[in-house]
Amino acid sequence: MEDLVEREANPALAAAAKLAEPATVLGQTVNIVPPGALVALKFQASVSPSRSLLDRQQDVIDMARVVAKRFDENDEAVATDGRARGRLA
């Protein structure tokens, strides 16, 4: 099941949406957030008491995979305090 969330649902989602860039995935136009924004959103989800334990554990795994694959100083700045390419919160 996919999660669809309105980008104005919280300040972090709204800020991440401002950093998104259009891309085509499997023939569909989508907006892709940079790795730093994705890690920040996954962290926020992983500490949310309203999410199930399994979902929060998956968020942590997702963060680890993003960081392991490709994560540079700019991504770290976006993930930690939004200094690069815009603010996350």
Protein backbone atom coordinates (compact mmCIF):
# COMPACT_ATOMS: atom_id res chain seq x y z
CA MET A 1 0.00 0.00 0.00
CA GLU A 2 1.34 3.41 -0.94
CA ASP A 3 1.02 6.44 1.32
CA LEU A 4 -0.37 9.56 -0.29
CA VAL A 5 -0.02 12.61 1.92
CA GLU A 6 -0.91 16.20 1.14
CA ARG A 7 2.33 18.18 1.05
CA GLU A 8 0.87 20.89 3.28
CA ALA A 9 0.16 18.28 6.00
CA ASN A 10 3.16 19.48 8.02
CA PRO A 11 6.00 22.01 7.65
CA ALA A 12 8.64 19.38 6.78
CA LEU A 13 6.55 17.97 3.93
CA ALA A 14 5.82 21.46 2.61
CA ALA A 15 9.53 22.37 2.69
CA ALA A 16 10.56 19.09 1.04
CA ALA A 17 8.01 19.68 -1.71
CA LYS A 18 9.70 23.01 -2.49
CA LEU A 19 12.96 21.12 -3.13
CA ALA A 20 11.37 18.50 -5.38
CA GLU A 21 12.31 18.23 -9.02
CA PRO A 22 10.14 16.72 -11.76
CA ALA A 23 11.14 13.35 -13.21
CA THR A 24 9.59 10.60 -15.29
CA VAL A 25 9.32 7.22 -13.59
CA LEU A 26 7.76 4.32 -15.48
CA GLY A 27 6.17 6.79 -17.87
CA GLN A 28 4.60 8.89 -15.10
CA THR A 29 5.64 12.42 -14.22
CA VAL A 30 6.47 12.62 -10.52
CA ASN A 31 8.26 15.01 -8.18
CA ILE A 32 11.41 13.64 -6.57
CA VAL A 33 12.83 15.15 -3.38
CA PRO A 34 16.63 15.20 -2.91
CA PRO A 35 18.20 12.55 -0.64
CA GLY A 36 18.66 14.96 2.27
CA ALA A 37 14.99 15.88 2.28
CA LEU A 38 14.00 12.22 2.04
CA VAL A 39 16.18 11.32 5.03
CA ALA A 40 14.69 14.19 7.05
CA LEU A 41 11.16 13.04 6.21
CA LYS A 42 11.99 9.41 7.01
CA PHE A 43 13.50 10.48 10.34
CA GLN A 44 10.38 12.45 11.19
CA ALA A 45 8.24 9.41 10.34
CA SER A 46 10.49 7.06 12.32
CA VAL A 47 9.93 8.98 15.55
CA SER A 48 6.20 9.46 15.08
CA PRO A 49 4.27 7.74 17.89
CA SER A 50 1.24 7.34 15.61
CA ARG A 51 3.11 4.96 13.23
CA SER A 52 3.33 1.25 13.88
CA LEU A 53 6.60 -0.20 15.10
CA LEU A 54 7.15 -2.08 11.83
CA ASP A 55 6.59 1.10 9.80
CA ARG A 56 9.03 3.03 12.00
CA GLN A 57 11.62 0.26 11.64
CA GLN A 58 11.18 0.36 7.87
CA ASP A 59 11.74 4.14 7.93
CA VAL A 60 15.10 3.58 9.68
CA ILE A 61 16.08 0.95 7.09
CA ASP A 62 15.07 3.31 4.28
CA MET A 63 17.23 6.09 5.77
CA ALA A 64 20.22 3.77 6.05
CA ARG A 65 19.89 2.68 2.42
CA VAL A 66 19.63 6.25 1.12
CA VAL A 67 22.70 7.31 3.10
CA ALA A 68 24.67 4.22 2.01
CA LYS A 69 23.81 4.68 -1.68
CA ARG A 70 24.56 8.35 -2.22
CA PHE A 71 24.70 11.05 0.42
CA ASP A 72 26.98 14.08 0.17
CA GLU A 73 27.60 17.20 2.27
CA ASN A 74 24.74 19.08 0.60
CA ASP A 75 22.36 16.22 1.40
CA GLU A 76 23.54 16.20 5.01
CA ALA A 77 22.95 19.94 5.31
CA VAL A 78 19.39 19.58 3.98
CA ALA A 79 18.70 16.61 6.26
CA THR A 80 20.03 18.23 9.42
CA ASP A 81 19.01 21.85 9.21
CA GLY A 82 17.97 22.76 5.70
CA ARG A 83 20.96 25.01 4.96
CA ALA A 84 21.37 23.86 1.36
CA ARG A 85 18.87 24.30 -1.48
CA GLY A 86 16.13 25.45 0.91
CA ARG A 87 14.82 24.87 4.39
CA LEU A 88 12.99 21.79 5.60
CA ALA A 89 11.23 23.23 8.61
